[in-house]
Protein backbone atom coordinates (compact mmCIF):
# COMPACT_ATOMS: atom_id res chain seq x y z
CA UNK A 1 16.04 -19.15 -6.15
CA UNK A 2 17.47 -19.51 -2.67
CA UNK A 3 15.28 -19.79 0.41
CA UNK A 4 16.26 -19.42 4.06
CA UNK A 5 14.28 -20.30 7.16
CA UNK A 6 15.20 -19.16 10.65
CA UNK A 7 12.17 -18.61 12.84
CA UNK A 8 14.11 -17.24 15.78
CA UNK A 9 16.44 -14.72 14.24
CA UNK A 10 16.24 -14.56 10.46
CA UNK A 11 19.54 -14.17 8.66
CA UNK A 12 22.90 -14.35 10.41
CA UNK A 13 25.18 -11.37 10.62
CA UNK A 14 27.66 -13.08 8.27
CA UNK A 15 25.16 -13.39 5.44
CA UNK A 16 26.31 -11.51 2.36
CA UNK A 17 24.14 -9.79 -0.20
CA UNK A 18 23.75 -12.28 -3.05
CA UNK A 19 23.08 -11.48 -6.66
CA UNK A 20 19.72 -12.62 -8.02
CA UNK A 21 19.88 -16.20 -9.19
CA UNK A 22 20.08 -16.89 -12.90
CA UNK A 23 17.64 -19.78 -12.40
CA UNK A 24 14.08 -18.62 -12.90
CA UNK A 25 10.61 -20.05 -12.88
CA UNK A 26 7.13 -18.60 -13.22
CA UNK A 27 5.93 -17.54 -9.73
CA UNK A 28 2.98 -19.20 -8.07
CA UNK A 29 -0.01 -17.18 -6.93
CA UNK A 30 0.26 -16.32 -3.22
CA UNK A 31 -2.79 -18.42 -2.34
CA UNK A 32 -1.04 -21.47 -3.87
CA UNK A 33 2.57 -20.76 -2.83
CA UNK A 34 3.85 -22.70 0.23
CA UNK A 35 6.21 -19.81 1.02
CA UNK A 36 3.24 -17.82 2.32
CA UNK A 37 2.24 -20.49 4.86
CA UNK A 38 3.91 -19.86 8.23
CA UNK A 39 5.64 -22.62 10.22
CA UNK A 40 3.83 -24.27 13.11
CA UNK A 41 3.93 -22.31 16.34
CA UNK A 42 4.49 -18.91 14.74
CA UNK A 43 1.56 -17.50 16.74
CA UNK A 44 3.69 -17.42 19.91
CA UNK A 45 6.38 -15.21 18.33
CA UNK A 46 6.47 -11.42 18.62
CA UNK A 47 4.93 -9.32 15.86
CA UNK A 48 7.51 -8.48 13.22
CA UNK A 49 9.50 -11.69 13.71
CA UNK A 50 11.13 -12.77 10.46
CA UNK A 51 10.01 -16.30 9.61
CA UNK A 52 11.35 -16.97 6.15
CA UNK A 53 13.11 -15.24 3.25
CA UNK A 54 13.93 -15.91 -0.39
CA UNK A 55 15.48 -14.12 -3.32
CA UNK A 56 13.19 -13.11 -6.15
CA UNK A 57 13.57 -11.45 -9.52
CA UNK A 58 11.71 -8.21 -10.15
CA UNK A 59 10.42 -7.34 -13.60
CA UNK A 60 8.42 -4.45 -15.01
CA UNK A 61 4.97 -5.79 -15.97
CA UNK A 62 6.38 -9.25 -15.29
CA UNK A 63 8.40 -9.05 -18.51
CA UNK A 64 11.42 -6.73 -18.22
CA UNK A 65 13.89 -7.98 -15.55
CA UNK A 66 15.35 -5.27 -13.33
CA UNK A 67 18.91 -5.10 -12.08
CA UNK A 68 18.04 -4.72 -8.41
CA UNK A 69 18.55 -6.83 -5.30
CA UNK A 70 15.18 -8.25 -4.21
CA UNK A 71 13.89 -10.62 -1.53
CA UNK A 72 10.59 -11.61 -0.06
CA UNK A 73 10.18 -11.83 3.72
CA UNK A 74 7.51 -13.80 5.57
CA UNK A 75 6.91 -12.38 9.03
CA UNK A 76 4.53 -12.39 11.99
CA UNK A 77 1.79 -9.80 12.13
CA UNK A 78 -1.91 -9.49 13.06
CA UNK A 79 -5.28 -9.05 11.43
CA UNK A 80 -8.04 -6.53 12.16
CA UNK A 81 -8.88 -8.18 15.49
CA UNK A 82 -5.31 -8.73 16.62
CA UNK A 83 -5.30 -12.43 15.72
CA UNK A 84 -1.76 -13.56 14.75
CA UNK A 85 -1.14 -14.19 11.08
CA UNK A 86 1.80 -14.13 8.67
CA UNK A 87 2.28 -11.74 5.78
CA UNK A 88 4.83 -11.06 3.06
CA UNK A 89 6.77 -7.98 2.06
CA UNK A 90 9.07 -7.51 -0.91
CA UNK A 91 12.30 -5.67 -0.09
CA UNK A 92 14.53 -3.96 -2.65
CA UNK A 93 18.08 -2.61 -2.61
CA UNK A 94 19.93 -0.76 -5.37
CA UNK A 95 22.01 -3.04 -7.57
CA UNK A 96 25.21 -1.28 -6.47
CA UNK A 97 24.38 -1.42 -2.74
CA UNK A 98 27.35 -1.99 -0.46
CA UNK A 99 27.95 -2.25 3.26
CA UNK A 100 29.96 0.97 3.39
CA UNK A 101 26.91 3.15 2.74
CA UNK A 102 24.30 0.93 4.38
CA UNK A 103 24.23 2.70 7.75
CA UNK A 104 23.24 5.97 6.04
CA UNK A 105 20.55 4.29 3.96
CA UNK A 106 16.92 5.09 4.83
CA UNK A 107 14.01 2.70 4.41
CA UNK A 108 10.90 3.57 2.44
CA UNK A 109 7.68 1.68 3.15
CA UNK A 110 5.80 1.97 -0.13
CA UNK A 111 2.16 0.86 -0.23
CA UNK A 112 0.83 -0.14 -3.63
CA UNK A 113 -2.77 0.53 -4.64
CA UNK A 114 -3.76 -3.14 -4.51
CA UNK A 115 -7.46 -2.25 -4.87
CA UNK A 116 -8.61 -5.83 -5.45
CA UNK A 117 -9.16 -9.10 -3.61
CA UNK A 118 -7.46 -11.63 -5.89
CA UNK A 119 -3.91 -12.55 -4.84
CA UNK A 120 -2.87 -11.94 -8.46
CA UNK A 121 -3.03 -8.24 -7.55
CA UNK A 122 -0.63 -8.46 -4.57
CA UNK A 123 2.72 -6.70 -5.11
CA UNK A 124 4.68 -9.75 -3.93
CA UNK A 125 3.31 -11.54 -6.99
CA UNK A 126 2.71 -8.68 -9.44
CA UNK A 127 6.27 -7.30 -9.23
CA UNK A 128 7.94 -10.66 -9.91
CA UNK A 129 9.35 -11.73 -13.23
CA UNK A 130 6.91 -14.02 -15.02
CA UNK A 131 3.82 -12.77 -13.18
CA UNK A 132 0.61 -12.16 -15.10
CA UNK A 133 -1.23 -9.37 -13.33
CA UNK A 134 -3.01 -7.59 -16.17
CA UNK A 135 -5.50 -4.97 -15.07
CA UNK A 136 -3.91 -4.35 -11.69
CA UNK A 137 -2.12 -1.21 -10.51
CA UNK A 138 0.95 -2.61 -8.72
CA UNK A 139 2.89 -3.67 -11.87
CA UNK A 140 2.87 -0.06 -13.10
CA UNK A 141 3.87 1.34 -9.70
CA UNK A 142 7.34 -0.13 -10.18
CA UNK A 143 7.97 2.94 -12.36
CA UNK A 144 7.33 5.07 -9.25
CA UNK A 145 9.17 2.79 -6.82
CA UNK A 146 12.25 2.77 -9.07
CA UNK A 147 12.79 6.46 -8.28
CA UNK A 148 13.23 5.64 -4.60
CA UNK A 149 15.62 2.76 -5.32
CA UNK A 150 17.66 4.97 -7.68
CA UNK A 151 18.23 7.37 -4.78
CA UNK A 152 19.93 4.61 -2.82
CA UNK A 153 17.00 3.91 -0.50
CA UNK A 154 15.95 0.47 0.68
CA UNK A 155 12.28 -0.17 -0.06
CA UNK A 156 9.78 -2.49 1.60
CA UNK A 157 6.51 -3.21 -0.22
CA UNK A 158 4.07 -5.14 1.97
CA UNK A 159 1.03 -7.11 0.86
CA UNK A 160 -0.92 -4.80 3.15
CA UNK A 161 -4.33 -6.37 2.46
CA UNK A 162 -3.20 -9.74 3.82
CA UNK A 163 -3.66 -13.08 2.14
CA UNK A 164 -7.44 -12.59 2.18
CA UNK A 165 -7.13 -9.42 0.12
CA UNK A 166 -9.59 -7.42 2.23
CA UNK A 167 -9.57 -4.13 0.35
CA UNK A 168 -10.77 -1.27 2.56
CA UNK A 169 -10.26 -2.96 5.92
CA UNK A 170 -9.22 -0.59 8.74
CA UNK A 171 -6.15 -0.80 10.99
CA UNK A 172 -4.76 -4.13 9.76
CA UNK A 173 -2.94 -2.57 6.77
CA UNK A 174 -1.04 -0.56 9.36
CA UNK A 175 -0.18 -3.68 11.35
CA UNK A 176 1.10 -5.51 8.28
CA UNK A 177 3.19 -2.62 7.02
CA UNK A 178 4.66 -1.82 10.43
CA UNK A 179 5.55 -5.45 11.07
CA UNK A 180 7.02 -5.60 7.57
CA UNK A 181 9.23 -2.65 8.54
CA UNK A 182 10.30 -4.51 11.68
CA UNK A 183 11.17 -7.61 9.66
CA UNK A 184 13.02 -5.52 7.07
CA UNK A 185 15.19 -3.77 9.64
CA UNK A 186 16.06 -7.18 11.13
CA UNK A 187 16.92 -8.68 7.73
CA UNK A 188 20.72 -8.73 7.70
CA UNK A 189 21.32 -8.26 3.93
CA UNK A 190 19.68 -4.83 4.13
CA UNK A 191 22.12 -3.89 6.90
CA UNK A 192 19.56 -1.62 8.59
CA UNK A 193 18.57 -1.20 12.23
CA UNK A 194 15.56 -0.24 14.32
CA UNK A 195 16.95 3.34 14.38
CA UNK A 196 16.94 3.58 10.57
CA UNK A 197 14.87 6.55 9.39
CA UNK A 198 11.68 5.27 7.77
CA UNK A 199 9.46 7.04 5.28
CA UNK A 200 5.92 6.01 4.33
CA UNK A 201 4.35 6.59 0.90
CA UNK A 202 1.29 5.47 -0.98
CA UNK A 203 -1.32 6.76 -3.39
CA UNK A 204 -5.07 6.10 -3.61
CA UNK A 205 -5.61 2.61 -2.12
CA UNK A 206 -1.94 2.81 -1.14
CA UNK A 207 -2.56 6.24 0.39
CA UNK A 208 -5.40 4.77 2.44
CA UNK A 209 -3.09 1.97 3.66
CA UNK A 210 -0.37 4.53 4.40
CA UNK A 211 -2.87 6.52 6.45
CA UNK A 212 -3.45 3.45 8.63
CA UNK A 213 0.33 3.06 8.99
CA UNK A 214 0.66 6.64 10.21
CA UNK A 215 -2.36 6.33 12.52
CA UNK A 216 -1.43 2.98 14.08
CA UNK A 217 2.33 3.53 14.46
CA UNK A 218 2.29 5.50 17.76
CA UNK A 219 0.24 2.78 19.46
CA UNK A 220 1.39 -0.37 17.67
CA UNK A 221 5.06 0.27 16.82
CA UNK A 222 6.33 3.37 18.65
CA UNK A 223 9.94 2.18 18.38
CA UNK A 224 9.98 2.55 14.57
CA UNK A 225 11.66 5.80 13.55
CA UNK A 226 9.06 7.08 11.07
CA UNK A 227 10.24 10.53 9.96
CA UNK A 228 7.42 11.31 7.53
CA UNK A 229 4.44 9.88 5.67
CA UNK A 230 3.07 10.86 2.26
CA UNK A 231 -0.64 10.22 1.75
CA UNK A 232 -1.68 10.64 -1.87
CA UNK A 233 -5.44 10.81 -2.50
CA UNK A 234 -5.96 8.75 0.68
CA UNK A 235 -9.78 8.31 0.38
CA UNK A 236 -10.65 9.88 3.74
CA UNK A 237 -14.11 8.40 4.15
CA UNK A 238 -14.55 5.05 2.34
CA UNK A 239 -18.23 4.86 3.32
CA UNK A 240 -19.01 8.14 1.58
CA UNK A 241 -16.89 7.03 -1.37
CA UNK A 242 -19.11 3.96 -1.68
CA UNK A 243 -22.24 6.10 -1.78
CA UNK A 244 -20.80 8.49 -4.36
CA UNK A 245 -19.39 5.84 -6.70
CA UNK A 246 -22.40 3.53 -6.72
CA UNK A 247 -24.20 3.80 -10.08
CA UNK A 248 -21.18 5.48 -11.73
CA UNK A 249 -18.45 4.35 -14.09
CA UNK A 250 -16.34 3.38 -11.05
CA UNK A 251 -19.04 1.35 -9.26
CA UNK A 252 -16.79 -1.71 -9.30
CA UNK A 253 -14.44 -0.14 -6.73
CA UNK A 254 -16.95 0.06 -3.85
CA UNK A 255 -18.24 -3.38 -4.87
CA UNK A 256 -14.72 -4.73 -4.32
CA UNK A 257 -14.69 -3.21 -0.83
CA UNK A 258 -18.07 -4.71 0.08
CA UNK A 259 -17.07 -8.11 -1.34
CA UNK A 260 -14.04 -8.22 0.93
CA UNK A 261 -15.40 -6.61 4.08
CA UNK A 262 -18.42 -8.93 4.25
CA UNK A 263 -15.94 -11.63 5.38
CA UNK A 264 -14.57 -9.43 8.18
CA UNK A 265 -17.77 -7.88 9.54
CA UNK A 266 -20.44 -10.43 10.50
CA UNK A 267 -23.05 -7.67 10.71
CA UNK A 268 -22.42 -6.69 7.11
CA UNK A 269 -22.58 -10.34 6.10
CA UNK A 270 -25.99 -10.68 7.76
CA UNK A 271 -27.29 -7.55 6.04
CA UNK A 272 -26.19 -8.92 2.67
CA UNK A 273 -27.78 -12.30 3.35
CA UNK A 274 -31.02 -10.66 4.46
CA UNK A 275 -31.46 -7.95 1.84
CA UNK A 276 -29.30 -8.71 -1.23
CA UNK A 277 -30.76 -11.04 -3.84
CA UNK A 278 -29.06 -14.02 -5.46
CA UNK A 279 -27.85 -11.99 -8.43
CA UNK A 280 -26.26 -9.38 -6.17
CA UNK A 281 -24.50 -11.99 -4.05
CA UNK A 282 -23.29 -13.72 -7.21
CA UNK A 283 -21.78 -10.45 -8.39
CA UNK A 284 -19.92 -10.05 -5.10
CA UNK A 285 -18.60 -13.61 -5.45
CA UNK A 286 -17.56 -12.93 -9.06
CA UNK A 287 -15.69 -9.73 -8.30
CA UNK A 288 -13.41 -11.43 -5.78
CA UNK A 289 -11.41 -13.04 -8.61
CA UNK A 290 -11.16 -9.90 -10.78
CA UNK A 291 -8.37 -7.42 -11.39
CA UNK A 292 -9.04 -3.77 -10.55
CA UNK A 293 -9.47 -2.71 -14.18
CA UNK A 294 -11.71 -5.64 -15.05
CA UNK A 295 -13.91 -5.02 -12.00
CA UNK A 296 -14.33 -1.37 -13.08
CA UNK A 297 -15.12 -2.35 -16.66
CA UNK A 298 -17.42 -5.23 -15.71
CA UNK A 299 -19.52 -3.26 -13.22
CA UNK A 300 -19.43 0.22 -14.76
CA UNK A 301 -22.72 1.94 -14.04
CA UNK A 302 -23.90 -0.81 -11.71
CA UNK A 303 -26.43 0.28 -9.09
CA UNK A 304 -26.56 -1.91 -6.00
CA UNK A 305 -30.09 -0.63 -5.43
CA UNK A 306 -31.11 -3.10 -8.15
CA UNK A 307 -30.03 -6.06 -6.02
CA UNK A 308 -31.67 -5.26 -2.68
CA UNK A 309 -35.19 -6.05 -1.50
CA UNK A 310 -35.48 -2.71 0.30
CA UNK A 311 -34.15 0.68 -0.89
CA UNK A 312 -30.36 0.87 -0.77
CA UNK A 313 -30.66 4.00 1.39
CA UNK A 314 -32.38 1.88 4.05
CA UNK A 315 -29.66 -0.78 3.81
CA UNK A 316 -26.98 1.88 4.28
CA UNK A 317 -28.86 3.31 7.27
CA UNK A 318 -28.88 -0.03 9.12
CA UNK A 319 -26.90 -0.10 12.39
CA UNK A 320 -24.43 -2.72 11.08
CA UNK A 321 -23.56 -0.64 8.02
CA UNK A 322 -23.33 2.64 9.94
CA UNK A 323 -21.00 0.96 12.45
CA UNK A 324 -18.87 -0.31 9.57
CA UNK A 325 -18.70 3.13 7.95
CA UNK A 326 -17.56 4.64 11.24
CA UNK A 327 -14.92 1.96 11.69
CA UNK A 328 -13.33 2.37 8.26
CA UNK A 329 -13.30 6.19 8.30
CA UNK A 330 -9.76 7.61 8.47
CA UNK A 331 -8.67 10.28 10.91
CA UNK A 332 -9.62 8.73 14.24
CA UNK A 333 -6.06 8.80 15.63
CA UNK A 334 -3.22 11.28 15.76
CA UNK A 335 -0.18 10.42 13.61
CA UNK A 336 3.05 11.31 15.38
CA UNK A 337 5.13 11.91 12.23
CA UNK A 338 4.86 14.84 9.80
CA UNK A 339 2.38 14.23 6.99
CA UNK A 340 2.28 15.38 3.38
CA UNK A 341 -1.22 14.93 1.96
CA UNK A 342 -1.85 15.42 -1.75
CA UNK A 343 -5.28 15.51 -3.37
CA UNK A 344 -6.73 16.59 -6.73
CA UNK A 345 -9.52 19.13 -6.38
CA UNK A 346 -11.32 17.54 -9.33
CA UNK A 347 -10.70 13.88 -8.49
CA UNK A 348 -13.17 11.68 -10.36
CA UNK A 349 -12.87 8.83 -7.83
CA UNK A 350 -12.12 10.32 -4.40
CA UNK A 351 -14.03 13.47 -3.45
CA UNK A 352 -11.81 16.25 -2.19
CA UNK A 353 -14.27 16.95 0.64
CA UNK A 354 -13.62 13.49 2.11
CA UNK A 355 -9.87 14.12 2.20
CA UNK A 356 -10.50 17.63 3.57
CA UNK A 357 -12.36 15.89 6.41
CA UNK A 358 -9.50 13.45 7.06
CA UNK A 359 -7.02 16.33 7.22
CA UNK A 360 -9.35 18.35 9.47
CA UNK A 361 -9.57 15.44 11.90
CA UNK A 362 -5.77 15.13 11.97
CA UNK A 363 -5.44 18.87 12.58
CA UNK A 364 -7.94 18.68 15.43
CA UNK A 365 -5.63 16.10 17.05
CA UNK A 366 -2.70 18.50 16.64
CA UNK A 367 -0.89 16.51 13.94
CA UNK A 368 1.66 18.18 11.67
CA UNK A 369 -0.03 18.11 8.24
CA UNK A 370 1.07 19.78 5.03
CA UNK A 371 -1.97 19.51 2.76
CA UNK A 372 -1.67 20.37 -0.94
CA UNK A 373 -4.76 20.44 -3.16
CA UNK A 374 -4.05 20.34 -6.90
CA UNK A 375 -6.50 22.14 -9.25
CA UNK A 376 -5.35 20.76 -12.62
CA UNK A 377 -4.66 17.09 -11.94
CA UNK A 378 -7.22 14.31 -11.80
CA UNK A 379 -6.89 11.06 -9.89
CA UNK A 380 -4.39 9.15 -12.01
CA UNK A 381 -2.25 12.04 -13.24
CA UNK A 382 -1.46 13.41 -9.77
CA UNK A 383 0.19 10.12 -8.82
CA UNK A 384 2.87 10.79 -11.47
CA UNK A 385 2.96 14.58 -11.41
CA UNK A 386 3.42 14.75 -7.62
CA UNK A 387 6.33 12.29 -7.54
CA UNK A 388 9.15 14.90 -7.66
CA UNK A 389 7.48 16.83 -4.82
CA UNK A 390 7.16 13.63 -2.78
CA UNK A 391 10.76 12.55 -3.36
CA UNK A 392 12.14 15.93 -2.31
CA UNK A 393 9.90 16.05 0.77
CA UNK A 394 10.96 12.55 1.84
CA UNK A 395 14.62 13.35 1.17
CA UNK A 396 14.37 16.34 3.50
CA UNK A 397 12.84 14.13 6.21
CA UNK A 398 15.56 11.49 5.79
CA UNK A 399 18.26 14.18 5.94
CA UNK A 400 16.92 15.48 9.25
CA UNK A 401 15.76 18.86 7.94
CA UNK A 402 13.51 20.83 10.29
CA UNK A 403 9.94 19.58 10.21
CA UNK A 404 7.71 21.73 8.00
CA UNK A 405 5.05 23.84 9.62
CA UNK A 406 1.64 22.39 8.94
CA UNK A 407 -0.38 24.23 6.30
CA UNK A 408 -3.16 23.84 3.75
CA UNK A 409 -2.90 25.37 0.30
CA UNK A 410 -4.46 24.92 -3.13
CA UNK A 411 -2.13 25.18 -6.13
CA UNK A 412 -2.68 25.02 -9.86
CA UNK A 413 -0.33 22.05 -10.15
CA UNK A 414 2.35 20.43 -8.02
CA UNK A 415 4.25 19.91 -11.29
CA UNK A 416 4.94 23.60 -11.91
CA UNK A 417 7.59 24.29 -9.26
CA UNK A 418 11.27 24.47 -10.29
CA UNK A 419 11.99 21.49 -8.04
CA UNK A 420 9.36 19.42 -9.82
CA UNK A 421 10.58 20.40 -13.28
CA UNK A 422 14.10 19.27 -12.38
CA UNK A 423 12.68 16.14 -10.81
CA UNK A 424 10.94 15.12 -14.01
CA UNK A 425 14.31 14.88 -15.74
CA UNK A 426 15.48 12.40 -13.13
CA UNK A 427 12.20 10.50 -13.40
CA UNK A 428 12.65 10.27 -17.16
CA UNK A 429 16.10 8.75 -16.77
CA UNK A 430 14.85 6.29 -14.19
CA UNK A 431 11.85 5.35 -16.34
CA UNK A 432 14.15 4.69 -19.30
CA UNK A 433 16.41 2.51 -17.17
CA UNK A 434 13.36 0.60 -15.93
CA UNK A 435 11.96 0.13 -19.43
CA UNK A 436 15.22 -1.30 -20.75
CA UNK A 437 15.98 -3.33 -17.61
CA UNK A 438 18.91 -1.18 -16.57
CA UNK A 439 20.56 -0.78 -13.19
CA UNK A 440 18.49 0.92 -10.50
C-alpha cells in the first residue's frame, strides 16, 4: 500500500490515479491503526483539510476483492462540541475512471448504517479486503454502493460516528461527512472541485447521519454544492425510538445508543451512575465491543427497567434525559437542498410516526421534501427495494433537472414503478459483478 502525507495541501496536481497495489495485508482496527492518528498541530488547520491519504483494497464481506480505485483520507473535522478532531473517509472511483470525464463526475456522500460502537463496524475497516466485520451492516452495503460507482460517480464513505463510535450523537455526523466531502473534493486523484455536484444518501442509521448532513450543511459548509439528499428510514426521534424498542426483540439498538452517548453527555452519565445498578452498567460496557447483530441477539427482550433503582419512566423523565432527547431529535434546522425521504409504514424498528414528525418539522421550516411512505416493505427490505428510485432521483439532481415539488404520498411499494422494475435489472448486473469481483 502507498501512503502520502501533506498536511498543507494534500496531493499535488501532477499526481496520477494509481492502480491498487498487489501487495496486501490484513487491515488493523481503526483504534489500533496509526493512520487514524493526526499529526501534531492539526488542530490549527481549517476543517476539511486533508492530512493523509493511502490506497486501500475494497472487498465484499472482506473476501471478494473489487476492481475499483479506493483510498482512505484522514482530514480535520470537529466533534459534537466543535472541538477539533481527525476522521477518515473512504473514497471510491470506477475502475475505468479517466481525467477526460472527471469534470462531469458527481460526488455521492454515502452514509453506512454503522449502528455500533466498536471500530470493527466502521466502513473504513469493514469495506477493506481482509477485514472481519461479521454482524455489522456496512460490509453488505457495498452491494448498494456499487450501483453508484457503476454509474461513474465518485463516492465518499465517512466514518461518521468518529473514532469513539458514538452511535446516535447529534450534529457531529454532519460535521464529519461535510468535512469528508471537503477533503474528497481537494483530493487530486478524484479530479473534483468545490463546485462538484454532491448527493447525500443513507438508510436507517445512515439515514439519521444523512439527516444531520442536510441539517448542518447550510450553517457549517454552505460552499458545498449539495444538490439533493436521500434519507431512508431516518429515525426521526431517537428518544422515542429508545422508549418503543426497550423490552422488544430490538432492545440492543437503544442500548448501543445509551452506551455511546453516556460518554458525550455528562448529565446522562450521572443519571446512569446514580440509578443504574452494577449489572446494567456492565451490560453497557459489554455492548460497546459488539457488532450490531450480536448486540440485537444478546439483548433481545431486555428491559432496562430491570437495572434501575427507580422506575425507568422516572429515569426518562429526569431533566438530563429530557434535554438529551431534545438534543438528538431530528428536524430542528432547515435543509437547503431538496430531500427525498423514504419510510416503511410497517417498520418494525423505526415508527413511521417519528419520521412523519421529522418531515413535518422540515415542512414547517419551508424545506423541499418529497416524502414517500411504503405500505408493503418493512425496515430491511425497503433499503433494497427503494434503490432504483433513489438512483434515478439522484441522477436527476446531478443532471440539473428542475427540483421536484415537495409532496407526501403513501404507495403500495416503491418497487412497482416501471423505473424501478428497469432499475432492478441494472442492480442485478451490478450485484453479480460485485459477487464475482468484477469491474465496477
